[in-house]
């Protein structure tokens, strides 16, 4: 099995630095560009959250154990990409950063996300290969790791575990809370209520 990698300390550190950047910086771009970025950002967060909810219908509680402990989920969004939850998290995360309308923030955020989750995914893949053997190795060869292919297949019925779907719905509310908070913070900055320490393109 691949060496254990705990993404949470790195996620926390990146989160603290990113929060300081976002809360005390401002984009130098004119209002039309700034507004367009915010609209696209909100749309991306909605797509990301919707994709995570849809993926959770298929995988909730069965990522490591499979349906019956012997077979893993390889249909629905998991026929398009091996990691749809991470892919849609990436879209939502990029949407949040887009609210700031700063190219450099998007680039740094994308690189940080890639660095952390590439290691997380490799560790998970090693565990699943050990558990499911050759069938999972074939799955690794036929389905992309992250960015989806244009392919879809699903049975007429699937097993859904409401407990995990409800948990994901609660996470969805957190994403939208951050959207509301960032837009409110930026509005207060625009009116001079909150400070702007630096501008970043």
N, C-alpha and C. Protein backbone atom coordinates (compact mmCIF):
# COMPACT_ATOMS: atom_id res chain seq x y z
N UNK A 1 0.85 -1.19 0.00
CA UNK A 1 0.00 0.00 0.00
C UNK A 1 0.88 1.24 0.00
N UNK A 2 0.43 2.28 -0.65
CA UNK A 2 1.19 3.51 -0.72
C UNK A 2 1.35 4.10 0.67
N UNK A 3 2.42 4.86 0.87
CA UNK A 3 2.71 5.51 2.14
C UNK A 3 1.54 6.40 2.54
N UNK A 4 1.18 6.35 3.83
CA UNK A 4 0.05 7.12 4.31
C UNK A 4 0.27 8.61 4.08
N UNK A 5 -0.76 9.27 3.59
CA UNK A 5 -0.71 10.72 3.38
C UNK A 5 -1.97 11.33 3.97
N UNK A 6 -1.79 12.20 4.93
CA UNK A 6 -2.92 12.89 5.56
C UNK A 6 -3.02 14.29 4.97
N UNK A 7 -4.07 14.54 4.19
CA UNK A 7 -4.19 15.81 3.51
C UNK A 7 -4.65 16.96 4.41
N UNK A 8 -5.19 16.64 5.57
CA UNK A 8 -5.85 17.67 6.37
C UNK A 8 -4.90 18.74 6.92
N UNK A 9 -3.69 18.40 7.40
CA UNK A 9 -2.80 19.49 7.84
C UNK A 9 -2.44 20.43 6.70
N UNK A 10 -2.22 19.89 5.51
CA UNK A 10 -1.88 20.73 4.36
C UNK A 10 -3.08 21.57 3.94
N UNK A 11 -4.26 20.94 3.96
CA UNK A 11 -5.48 21.68 3.61
C UNK A 11 -5.71 22.83 4.59
N UNK A 12 -5.48 22.57 5.86
CA UNK A 12 -5.66 23.60 6.88
C UNK A 12 -4.68 24.75 6.67
N UNK A 13 -3.40 24.40 6.41
CA UNK A 13 -2.38 25.45 6.21
C UNK A 13 -2.69 26.29 4.98
N UNK A 14 -3.03 25.62 3.87
CA UNK A 14 -3.40 26.35 2.65
C UNK A 14 -4.64 27.20 2.90
N UNK A 15 -5.56 26.66 3.69
CA UNK A 15 -6.80 27.39 3.98
C UNK A 15 -6.55 28.67 4.75
N UNK A 16 -5.66 28.62 5.74
CA UNK A 16 -5.34 29.81 6.53
C UNK A 16 -4.68 30.88 5.66
N UNK A 17 -3.69 30.46 4.87
CA UNK A 17 -3.01 31.42 3.99
C UNK A 17 -3.97 31.98 2.95
N UNK A 18 -4.79 31.09 2.38
CA UNK A 18 -5.75 31.53 1.37
C UNK A 18 -6.79 32.48 1.94
N UNK A 19 -7.24 32.21 3.17
CA UNK A 19 -8.23 33.08 3.79
C UNK A 19 -7.67 34.49 4.00
N UNK A 20 -6.41 34.57 4.46
CA UNK A 20 -5.79 35.89 4.64
C UNK A 20 -5.72 36.64 3.32
N UNK A 21 -5.29 35.92 2.27
CA UNK A 21 -5.17 36.53 0.94
C UNK A 21 -6.53 37.06 0.47
N UNK A 22 -7.53 36.19 0.54
CA UNK A 22 -8.85 36.55 0.02
C UNK A 22 -9.48 37.69 0.81
N UNK A 23 -9.34 37.66 2.11
CA UNK A 23 -10.04 38.64 2.94
C UNK A 23 -9.40 40.03 2.92
N UNK A 24 -8.12 40.10 2.57
CA UNK A 24 -7.46 41.41 2.66
C UNK A 24 -6.86 41.88 1.34
N UNK A 25 -7.26 41.24 0.24
CA UNK A 25 -6.78 41.68 -1.07
C UNK A 25 -7.97 42.06 -1.95
N UNK A 26 -7.66 42.67 -3.07
CA UNK A 26 -8.72 43.07 -4.00
C UNK A 26 -8.20 42.97 -5.42
N UNK A 27 -9.10 42.66 -6.34
CA UNK A 27 -8.75 42.60 -7.75
C UNK A 27 -8.61 44.01 -8.33
N UNK A 28 -7.64 44.23 -9.23
CA UNK A 28 -7.49 45.55 -9.85
C UNK A 28 -8.34 45.73 -11.11
N UNK A 29 -9.10 44.68 -11.47
CA UNK A 29 -9.83 44.72 -12.73
C UNK A 29 -11.09 45.59 -12.62
N UNK A 30 -11.53 46.18 -13.73
CA UNK A 30 -12.72 47.05 -13.71
C UNK A 30 -13.98 46.24 -13.41
N UNK A 31 -15.07 46.94 -13.00
CA UNK A 31 -16.32 46.27 -12.59
C UNK A 31 -16.87 45.23 -13.56
N UNK A 32 -16.88 45.46 -14.88
CA UNK A 32 -17.45 44.41 -15.75
C UNK A 32 -16.74 43.07 -15.63
N UNK A 33 -15.42 43.10 -15.55
CA UNK A 33 -14.66 41.85 -15.41
C UNK A 33 -14.89 41.25 -14.03
N UNK A 34 -14.88 42.09 -13.01
CA UNK A 34 -15.08 41.63 -11.65
C UNK A 34 -16.45 40.97 -11.50
N UNK A 35 -17.48 41.59 -12.03
CA UNK A 35 -18.84 41.04 -11.93
C UNK A 35 -18.95 39.74 -12.71
N UNK A 36 -18.35 39.69 -13.90
CA UNK A 36 -18.40 38.47 -14.70
C UNK A 36 -17.74 37.31 -13.96
N UNK A 37 -16.62 37.58 -13.29
CA UNK A 37 -15.94 36.53 -12.52
C UNK A 37 -16.82 36.04 -11.37
N UNK A 38 -17.50 36.96 -10.73
CA UNK A 38 -18.38 36.58 -9.62
C UNK A 38 -19.54 35.71 -10.11
N UNK A 39 -20.13 36.08 -11.24
CA UNK A 39 -21.24 35.29 -11.78
C UNK A 39 -20.75 33.89 -12.15
N UNK A 40 -19.62 33.81 -12.83
CA UNK A 40 -19.07 32.50 -13.19
C UNK A 40 -18.70 31.70 -11.95
N UNK A 41 -18.20 32.40 -10.93
CA UNK A 41 -17.84 31.72 -9.69
C UNK A 41 -19.04 31.10 -9.01
N UNK A 42 -20.13 31.84 -8.92
CA UNK A 42 -21.35 31.31 -8.30
C UNK A 42 -21.87 30.11 -9.09
N UNK A 43 -21.84 30.21 -10.43
CA UNK A 43 -22.29 29.09 -11.27
C UNK A 43 -21.41 27.86 -11.03
N UNK A 44 -20.09 28.07 -10.95
CA UNK A 44 -19.17 26.94 -10.74
C UNK A 44 -19.42 26.29 -9.39
N UNK A 45 -19.65 27.08 -8.36
CA UNK A 45 -19.96 26.50 -7.05
C UNK A 45 -21.24 25.67 -7.14
N UNK A 46 -22.25 26.19 -7.82
CA UNK A 46 -23.50 25.43 -7.98
C UNK A 46 -23.29 24.12 -8.72
N UNK A 47 -22.50 24.15 -9.79
CA UNK A 47 -22.20 22.92 -10.54
C UNK A 47 -21.43 21.93 -9.67
N UNK A 48 -20.44 22.44 -8.96
CA UNK A 48 -19.64 21.57 -8.11
C UNK A 48 -20.46 20.92 -7.01
N UNK A 49 -21.30 21.70 -6.35
CA UNK A 49 -22.15 21.16 -5.28
C UNK A 49 -23.15 20.16 -5.84
N UNK A 50 -23.78 20.50 -6.98
CA UNK A 50 -24.72 19.58 -7.60
C UNK A 50 -24.05 18.28 -8.01
N UNK A 51 -22.84 18.38 -8.56
CA UNK A 51 -22.11 17.17 -8.95
C UNK A 51 -21.74 16.31 -7.77
N UNK A 52 -21.36 16.93 -6.66
CA UNK A 52 -21.03 16.16 -5.45
C UNK A 52 -22.27 15.44 -4.92
N UNK A 53 -23.41 16.13 -4.92
CA UNK A 53 -24.63 15.49 -4.46
C UNK A 53 -25.00 14.29 -5.34
N UNK A 54 -24.88 14.49 -6.64
CA UNK A 54 -25.22 13.41 -7.57
C UNK A 54 -24.27 12.22 -7.39
N UNK A 55 -23.00 12.50 -7.24
CA UNK A 55 -22.02 11.43 -7.04
C UNK A 55 -22.26 10.70 -5.74
N UNK A 56 -22.67 11.43 -4.70
CA UNK A 56 -22.92 10.81 -3.40
C UNK A 56 -24.08 9.82 -3.46
N UNK A 57 -25.05 10.07 -4.35
CA UNK A 57 -26.14 9.10 -4.52
C UNK A 57 -25.60 7.72 -4.86
N UNK A 58 -24.51 7.69 -5.61
CA UNK A 58 -23.95 6.42 -6.08
C UNK A 58 -22.94 5.82 -5.10
N UNK A 59 -22.17 6.65 -4.41
CA UNK A 59 -21.01 6.15 -3.67
C UNK A 59 -21.15 6.27 -2.17
N UNK A 60 -22.14 7.02 -1.67
CA UNK A 60 -22.22 7.31 -0.24
C UNK A 60 -22.08 6.09 0.65
N UNK A 61 -21.01 6.04 1.45
CA UNK A 61 -20.78 4.93 2.36
C UNK A 61 -20.21 3.69 1.74
N UNK A 62 -19.95 3.70 0.44
CA UNK A 62 -19.50 2.48 -0.24
C UNK A 62 -18.17 2.67 -0.97
N UNK A 63 -17.46 3.77 -0.68
CA UNK A 63 -16.24 4.04 -1.41
C UNK A 63 -15.16 3.00 -1.13
N UNK A 64 -14.99 2.66 0.14
CA UNK A 64 -13.92 1.73 0.51
C UNK A 64 -14.40 0.28 0.63
N UNK A 65 -15.68 0.10 0.87
CA UNK A 65 -16.20 -1.25 1.08
C UNK A 65 -16.92 -1.83 -0.13
N UNK A 66 -17.29 -0.97 -1.10
CA UNK A 66 -18.07 -1.44 -2.22
C UNK A 66 -19.50 -1.72 -1.82
N UNK A 67 -20.26 -2.29 -2.72
CA UNK A 67 -21.67 -2.57 -2.44
C UNK A 67 -21.82 -3.71 -1.43
N UNK A 68 -21.04 -4.75 -1.63
CA UNK A 68 -21.16 -5.94 -0.79
C UNK A 68 -19.81 -6.38 -0.22
N UNK A 69 -18.84 -5.48 -0.28
CA UNK A 69 -17.51 -5.83 0.19
C UNK A 69 -16.66 -6.51 -0.85
N UNK A 70 -17.25 -6.80 -2.02
CA UNK A 70 -16.53 -7.52 -3.07
C UNK A 70 -16.50 -6.77 -4.39
N UNK A 71 -17.49 -5.92 -4.63
CA UNK A 71 -17.55 -5.17 -5.88
C UNK A 71 -17.59 -3.67 -5.58
N UNK A 72 -16.97 -2.87 -6.43
CA UNK A 72 -16.88 -1.44 -6.23
C UNK A 72 -17.79 -0.72 -7.22
N UNK A 73 -18.03 0.55 -6.98
CA UNK A 73 -18.90 1.35 -7.83
C UNK A 73 -18.11 1.79 -9.08
N UNK A 74 -18.58 1.37 -10.26
CA UNK A 74 -17.90 1.75 -11.50
C UNK A 74 -18.91 2.22 -12.55
N UNK A 75 -20.06 2.70 -12.10
CA UNK A 75 -21.10 3.17 -13.01
C UNK A 75 -21.56 4.56 -12.57
N UNK A 76 -22.51 5.12 -13.35
CA UNK A 76 -22.91 6.50 -13.06
C UNK A 76 -21.73 7.44 -13.26
N UNK A 77 -21.53 8.42 -12.41
CA UNK A 77 -20.39 9.32 -12.58
C UNK A 77 -19.04 8.60 -12.46
N UNK A 78 -19.05 7.43 -11.83
CA UNK A 78 -17.80 6.67 -11.67
C UNK A 78 -17.42 5.91 -12.93
N UNK A 79 -18.27 5.96 -13.94
CA UNK A 79 -17.89 5.46 -15.26
C UNK A 79 -17.20 6.54 -16.07
N UNK A 80 -17.32 7.79 -15.62
CA UNK A 80 -16.70 8.92 -16.32
C UNK A 80 -15.34 9.26 -15.76
N UNK A 81 -15.23 9.22 -14.44
CA UNK A 81 -13.97 9.52 -13.76
C UNK A 81 -13.93 8.71 -12.47
N UNK A 82 -12.74 8.31 -12.07
CA UNK A 82 -12.63 7.51 -10.86
C UNK A 82 -12.87 8.33 -9.60
N UNK A 83 -12.79 9.64 -9.72
CA UNK A 83 -12.91 10.50 -8.54
C UNK A 83 -13.85 11.69 -8.79
N UNK A 84 -15.12 11.43 -9.05
CA UNK A 84 -16.03 12.54 -9.33
C UNK A 84 -16.22 13.48 -8.15
N UNK A 85 -16.17 12.96 -6.92
CA UNK A 85 -16.32 13.84 -5.76
C UNK A 85 -15.19 14.86 -5.71
N UNK A 86 -13.97 14.41 -5.94
CA UNK A 86 -12.83 15.34 -5.94
C UNK A 86 -12.90 16.28 -7.14
N UNK A 87 -13.33 15.76 -8.29
CA UNK A 87 -13.44 16.61 -9.47
C UNK A 87 -14.45 17.74 -9.25
N UNK A 88 -15.61 17.41 -8.70
CA UNK A 88 -16.61 18.45 -8.47
C UNK A 88 -16.22 19.37 -7.31
N UNK A 89 -15.47 18.85 -6.35
CA UNK A 89 -14.91 19.72 -5.31
C UNK A 89 -13.97 20.74 -5.94
N UNK A 90 -13.19 20.30 -6.91
CA UNK A 90 -12.27 21.20 -7.60
C UNK A 90 -13.04 22.31 -8.31
N UNK A 91 -14.13 21.95 -8.99
CA UNK A 91 -14.93 22.96 -9.69
C UNK A 91 -15.50 23.97 -8.69
N UNK A 92 -16.06 23.48 -7.57
CA UNK A 92 -16.62 24.38 -6.56
C UNK A 92 -15.53 25.25 -5.94
N UNK A 93 -14.38 24.67 -5.69
CA UNK A 93 -13.26 25.42 -5.10
C UNK A 93 -12.79 26.52 -6.04
N UNK A 94 -12.66 26.19 -7.32
CA UNK A 94 -12.28 27.21 -8.30
C UNK A 94 -13.35 28.30 -8.40
N UNK A 95 -14.62 27.91 -8.21
CA UNK A 95 -15.70 28.88 -8.21
C UNK A 95 -15.57 29.87 -7.07
N UNK A 96 -15.24 29.36 -5.88
CA UNK A 96 -15.05 30.25 -4.73
C UNK A 96 -13.90 31.23 -4.99
N UNK A 97 -12.80 30.72 -5.54
CA UNK A 97 -11.66 31.59 -5.81
C UNK A 97 -11.98 32.61 -6.90
N UNK A 98 -12.82 32.21 -7.86
CA UNK A 98 -13.18 33.12 -8.95
C UNK A 98 -13.94 34.33 -8.44
N UNK A 99 -14.59 34.21 -7.30
CA UNK A 99 -15.30 35.36 -6.74
C UNK A 99 -14.36 36.53 -6.46
N UNK A 100 -13.07 36.21 -6.28
CA UNK A 100 -12.08 37.24 -5.99
C UNK A 100 -11.56 37.91 -7.25
N UNK A 101 -11.82 37.31 -8.42
CA UNK A 101 -11.41 37.87 -9.72
C UNK A 101 -9.91 38.14 -9.78
N UNK A 102 -9.12 37.15 -9.36
CA UNK A 102 -7.66 37.27 -9.38
C UNK A 102 -7.06 36.03 -10.05
N UNK A 103 -6.41 36.24 -11.17
CA UNK A 103 -5.84 35.12 -11.92
C UNK A 103 -4.80 34.38 -11.09
N UNK A 104 -3.95 35.12 -10.39
CA UNK A 104 -2.88 34.48 -9.63
C UNK A 104 -3.44 33.58 -8.53
N UNK A 105 -4.57 33.98 -7.94
CA UNK A 105 -5.20 33.17 -6.91
C UNK A 105 -5.75 31.87 -7.49
N UNK A 106 -6.32 31.94 -8.69
CA UNK A 106 -6.82 30.74 -9.35
C UNK A 106 -5.68 29.77 -9.67
N UNK A 107 -4.57 30.30 -10.15
CA UNK A 107 -3.43 29.44 -10.50
C UNK A 107 -2.85 28.78 -9.27
N UNK A 108 -2.60 29.57 -8.22
CA UNK A 108 -2.03 29.01 -6.99
C UNK A 108 -3.01 28.01 -6.36
N UNK A 109 -4.30 28.34 -6.37
CA UNK A 109 -5.29 27.43 -5.81
C UNK A 109 -5.37 26.11 -6.56
N UNK A 110 -5.31 26.17 -7.89
CA UNK A 110 -5.37 24.95 -8.70
C UNK A 110 -4.14 24.07 -8.44
N UNK A 111 -2.97 24.70 -8.36
CA UNK A 111 -1.73 23.95 -8.11
C UNK A 111 -1.75 23.33 -6.72
N UNK A 112 -2.22 24.09 -5.72
CA UNK A 112 -2.30 23.55 -4.37
C UNK A 112 -3.26 22.39 -4.28
N UNK A 113 -4.41 22.51 -4.92
CA UNK A 113 -5.40 21.44 -4.95
C UNK A 113 -4.79 20.19 -5.59
N UNK A 114 -4.13 20.38 -6.72
CA UNK A 114 -3.52 19.24 -7.43
C UNK A 114 -2.48 18.55 -6.56
N UNK A 115 -1.63 19.33 -5.90
CA UNK A 115 -0.55 18.76 -5.09
C UNK A 115 -1.11 17.91 -3.96
N UNK A 116 -2.13 18.42 -3.29
CA UNK A 116 -2.71 17.70 -2.15
C UNK A 116 -3.49 16.47 -2.60
N UNK A 117 -4.38 16.65 -3.58
CA UNK A 117 -5.29 15.56 -3.91
C UNK A 117 -4.67 14.49 -4.79
N UNK A 118 -3.61 14.83 -5.52
CA UNK A 118 -2.90 13.78 -6.27
C UNK A 118 -2.38 12.73 -5.30
N UNK A 119 -1.81 13.16 -4.19
CA UNK A 119 -1.28 12.24 -3.19
C UNK A 119 -2.39 11.48 -2.48
N UNK A 120 -3.47 12.17 -2.19
CA UNK A 120 -4.61 11.51 -1.56
C UNK A 120 -5.17 10.41 -2.46
N UNK A 121 -5.34 10.73 -3.73
CA UNK A 121 -5.92 9.76 -4.67
C UNK A 121 -5.02 8.55 -4.84
N UNK A 122 -3.72 8.77 -4.94
CA UNK A 122 -2.79 7.65 -5.11
C UNK A 122 -2.86 6.70 -3.91
N UNK A 123 -2.96 7.27 -2.70
CA UNK A 123 -3.05 6.43 -1.51
C UNK A 123 -4.35 5.62 -1.53
N UNK A 124 -5.45 6.25 -1.92
CA UNK A 124 -6.73 5.55 -1.97
C UNK A 124 -6.72 4.45 -3.03
N UNK A 125 -6.10 4.75 -4.18
CA UNK A 125 -6.02 3.75 -5.25
C UNK A 125 -5.24 2.52 -4.80
N UNK A 126 -4.17 2.74 -4.06
CA UNK A 126 -3.37 1.62 -3.57
C UNK A 126 -4.20 0.74 -2.64
N UNK A 127 -4.98 1.37 -1.77
CA UNK A 127 -5.84 0.62 -0.85
C UNK A 127 -6.88 -0.20 -1.63
N UNK A 128 -7.50 0.41 -2.64
CA UNK A 128 -8.57 -0.25 -3.39
C UNK A 128 -8.03 -1.37 -4.27
N UNK A 129 -6.81 -1.22 -4.79
CA UNK A 129 -6.18 -2.31 -5.54
C UNK A 129 -5.95 -3.50 -4.62
N UNK A 130 -5.45 -3.23 -3.42
CA UNK A 130 -5.25 -4.32 -2.46
C UNK A 130 -6.56 -5.02 -2.11
N UNK A 131 -7.65 -4.27 -2.07
CA UNK A 131 -8.93 -4.84 -1.66
C UNK A 131 -9.63 -5.59 -2.80
N UNK A 132 -9.64 -4.98 -3.99
CA UNK A 132 -10.44 -5.53 -5.09
C UNK A 132 -9.62 -6.23 -6.17
N UNK A 133 -8.31 -6.09 -6.13
CA UNK A 133 -7.44 -6.86 -7.01
C UNK A 133 -7.50 -6.48 -8.48
N UNK A 134 -7.50 -7.51 -9.35
CA UNK A 134 -7.37 -7.29 -10.80
C UNK A 134 -8.54 -6.50 -11.38
N UNK A 135 -9.73 -6.67 -10.84
CA UNK A 135 -10.87 -5.94 -11.38
C UNK A 135 -10.67 -4.43 -11.20
N UNK A 136 -10.08 -4.03 -10.08
CA UNK A 136 -9.83 -2.60 -9.88
C UNK A 136 -8.66 -2.12 -10.73
N UNK A 137 -7.68 -2.98 -10.94
CA UNK A 137 -6.57 -2.62 -11.83
C UNK A 137 -7.08 -2.35 -13.24
N UNK A 138 -8.03 -3.15 -13.69
CA UNK A 138 -8.62 -2.92 -15.02
C UNK A 138 -9.40 -1.61 -15.03
N UNK A 139 -10.08 -1.33 -13.95
CA UNK A 139 -10.81 -0.07 -13.81
C UNK A 139 -9.85 1.12 -13.90
N UNK A 140 -8.68 1.00 -13.27
CA UNK A 140 -7.67 2.06 -13.35
C UNK A 140 -7.24 2.32 -14.78
N UNK A 141 -7.18 1.28 -15.58
CA UNK A 141 -6.73 1.42 -16.96
C UNK A 141 -7.80 2.02 -17.87
N UNK A 142 -9.07 1.77 -17.57
CA UNK A 142 -10.13 2.13 -18.50
C UNK A 142 -10.83 3.46 -18.18
N UNK A 143 -10.73 3.95 -16.94
CA UNK A 143 -11.44 5.17 -16.53
C UNK A 143 -10.42 6.21 -16.06
N UNK A 144 -10.53 7.46 -16.52
CA UNK A 144 -9.58 8.51 -16.13
C UNK A 144 -9.57 8.74 -14.62
N UNK A 145 -8.43 9.15 -14.11
CA UNK A 145 -8.28 9.39 -12.68
C UNK A 145 -9.08 10.61 -12.21
N UNK A 146 -9.08 11.69 -13.00
CA UNK A 146 -9.65 12.94 -12.50
C UNK A 146 -10.60 13.59 -13.50
N UNK A 147 -10.08 14.09 -14.62
CA UNK A 147 -10.93 14.77 -15.58
C UNK A 147 -11.79 13.75 -16.33
N UNK A 148 -13.11 13.96 -16.39
CA UNK A 148 -14.03 12.94 -16.91
C UNK A 148 -13.88 12.70 -18.41
N UNK A 149 -14.20 11.50 -18.83
CA UNK A 149 -14.37 11.20 -20.24
C UNK A 149 -15.86 11.31 -20.57
N UNK A 150 -16.18 11.37 -21.84
CA UNK A 150 -17.58 11.47 -22.27
C UNK A 150 -18.17 10.08 -22.41
N UNK A 151 -18.53 9.52 -21.28
CA UNK A 151 -19.07 8.16 -21.26
C UNK A 151 -19.98 8.04 -20.04
N UNK A 152 -21.10 7.35 -20.17
CA UNK A 152 -22.00 7.22 -19.04
C UNK A 152 -22.75 5.91 -19.13
N UNK A 153 -22.82 5.23 -18.00
CA UNK A 153 -23.61 4.00 -17.93
C UNK A 153 -24.05 3.80 -16.47
N UNK A 154 -25.26 3.35 -16.29
CA UNK A 154 -25.77 3.13 -14.94
C UNK A 154 -26.90 2.11 -14.99
N UNK A 155 -27.06 1.32 -13.96
CA UNK A 155 -28.18 0.38 -13.92
C UNK A 155 -29.50 1.12 -13.71
N UNK A 156 -30.60 0.42 -13.88
CA UNK A 156 -31.91 1.04 -13.70
C UNK A 156 -32.17 1.40 -12.25
N UNK A 157 -31.57 0.66 -11.32
CA UNK A 157 -31.73 0.94 -9.91
C UNK A 157 -30.36 0.95 -9.23
N UNK A 158 -30.22 1.81 -8.22
CA UNK A 158 -28.99 1.85 -7.45
C UNK A 158 -29.33 1.84 -5.96
N UNK A 159 -28.35 1.46 -5.15
CA UNK A 159 -28.50 1.49 -3.71
C UNK A 159 -28.10 2.87 -3.20
N UNK A 160 -29.00 3.52 -2.48
CA UNK A 160 -28.72 4.85 -1.92
C UNK A 160 -28.78 4.74 -0.40
N UNK A 161 -27.79 5.31 0.29
CA UNK A 161 -27.77 5.34 1.74
C UNK A 161 -28.05 6.76 2.20
N UNK A 162 -29.26 7.04 2.66
CA UNK A 162 -29.68 8.41 2.99
C UNK A 162 -28.78 9.11 3.99
N UNK A 163 -28.21 8.37 4.93
CA UNK A 163 -27.35 8.98 5.95
C UNK A 163 -26.22 9.78 5.30
N UNK A 164 -25.61 9.20 4.28
CA UNK A 164 -24.47 9.86 3.64
C UNK A 164 -24.93 10.97 2.71
N UNK A 165 -26.10 10.82 2.11
CA UNK A 165 -26.65 11.89 1.29
C UNK A 165 -26.99 13.10 2.15
N UNK A 166 -27.58 12.86 3.31
CA UNK A 166 -27.92 13.96 4.21
C UNK A 166 -26.66 14.69 4.67
N UNK A 167 -25.60 13.93 4.92
CA UNK A 167 -24.33 14.54 5.33
C UNK A 167 -23.78 15.43 4.22
N UNK A 168 -23.91 14.98 2.97
CA UNK A 168 -23.42 15.78 1.85
C UNK A 168 -24.27 17.02 1.65
N UNK A 169 -25.57 16.93 1.91
CA UNK A 169 -26.43 18.11 1.81
C UNK A 169 -25.98 19.17 2.81
N UNK A 170 -25.61 18.76 4.01
CA UNK A 170 -25.10 19.70 5.01
C UNK A 170 -23.80 20.35 4.52
N UNK A 171 -22.93 19.57 3.89
CA UNK A 171 -21.70 20.14 3.33
C UNK A 171 -22.02 21.17 2.25
N UNK A 172 -23.06 20.89 1.48
CA UNK A 172 -23.45 21.81 0.41
C UNK A 172 -23.80 23.18 0.98
N UNK A 173 -24.46 23.21 2.12
CA UNK A 173 -24.83 24.47 2.74
C UNK A 173 -23.58 25.26 3.14
N UNK A 174 -22.52 24.55 3.50
CA UNK A 174 -21.27 25.23 3.87
C UNK A 174 -20.67 25.94 2.65
N UNK A 175 -20.70 25.28 1.50
CA UNK A 175 -20.19 25.91 0.27
C UNK A 175 -20.93 27.22 0.00
N UNK A 176 -22.25 27.18 0.09
CA UNK A 176 -23.02 28.39 -0.21
C UNK A 176 -22.88 29.45 0.88
N UNK A 177 -22.62 29.01 2.11
CA UNK A 177 -22.33 29.99 3.16
C UNK A 177 -21.07 30.77 2.82
N UNK A 178 -20.04 30.07 2.33
CA UNK A 178 -18.80 30.75 1.95
C UNK A 178 -19.04 31.73 0.81
N UNK A 179 -19.88 31.36 -0.15
CA UNK A 179 -20.20 32.29 -1.25
C UNK A 179 -20.83 33.56 -0.68
N UNK A 180 -21.83 33.39 0.17
CA UNK A 180 -22.52 34.54 0.79
C UNK A 180 -21.54 35.39 1.60
N UNK A 181 -20.70 34.72 2.40
CA UNK A 181 -19.76 35.43 3.25
C UNK A 181 -18.77 36.25 2.44
N UNK A 182 -18.20 35.63 1.38
CA UNK A 182 -17.20 36.34 0.57
C UNK A 182 -17.82 37.53 -0.15
N UNK A 183 -19.02 37.37 -0.69
CA UNK A 183 -19.67 38.48 -1.39
C UNK A 183 -20.02 39.61 -0.42
N UNK A 184 -20.46 39.25 0.78
CA UNK A 184 -20.75 40.26 1.80
C UNK A 184 -19.48 40.98 2.21
N UNK A 185 -18.40 40.24 2.43
CA UNK A 185 -17.12 40.83 2.82
C UNK A 185 -16.64 41.81 1.75
N UNK A 186 -16.71 41.40 0.49
CA UNK A 186 -16.27 42.26 -0.60
C UNK A 186 -17.12 43.52 -0.71
N UNK A 187 -18.41 43.38 -0.43
CA UNK A 187 -19.29 44.56 -0.44
C UNK A 187 -18.89 45.55 0.65
N UNK A 188 -18.59 45.04 1.83
CA UNK A 188 -18.16 45.90 2.92
C UNK A 188 -16.81 46.55 2.62
N UNK A 189 -15.93 45.83 1.93
CA UNK A 189 -14.67 46.44 1.50
C UNK A 189 -14.91 47.58 0.51
N UNK A 190 -15.84 47.35 -0.41
CA UNK A 190 -16.14 48.36 -1.43
C UNK A 190 -16.66 49.64 -0.81
N UNK A 191 -17.34 49.53 0.34
CA UNK A 191 -17.86 50.71 1.02
C UNK A 191 -16.90 51.26 2.06
N UNK A 192 -15.70 50.68 2.13
CA UNK A 192 -14.70 51.18 3.05
C UNK A 192 -14.87 50.76 4.49
N UNK A 193 -15.76 49.81 4.74
CA UNK A 193 -16.00 49.35 6.11
C UNK A 193 -14.88 48.41 6.57
N UNK A 194 -14.39 47.58 5.63
CA UNK A 194 -13.32 46.64 5.93
C UNK A 194 -12.07 46.99 5.12
N UNK A 195 -10.89 46.67 5.64
CA UNK A 195 -9.65 47.11 4.99
C UNK A 195 -9.26 46.29 3.77
N UNK A 196 -8.52 46.92 2.86
CA UNK A 196 -7.87 46.25 1.72
C UNK A 196 -6.38 46.50 1.87
N UNK A 197 -5.60 45.44 2.05
CA UNK A 197 -4.17 45.59 2.30
C UNK A 197 -3.34 45.60 1.02
N UNK A 198 -3.80 44.90 -0.02
CA UNK A 198 -3.03 44.88 -1.26
C UNK A 198 -3.93 44.49 -2.42
N UNK A 199 -3.47 44.81 -3.63
CA UNK A 199 -4.16 44.44 -4.87
C UNK A 199 -3.34 43.34 -5.56
N UNK A 200 -4.03 42.38 -6.15
CA UNK A 200 -3.37 41.29 -6.85
C UNK A 200 -4.12 40.97 -8.12
N UNK A 201 -3.43 40.85 -9.25
CA UNK A 201 -4.09 40.58 -10.54
C UNK A 201 -4.62 39.15 -10.62
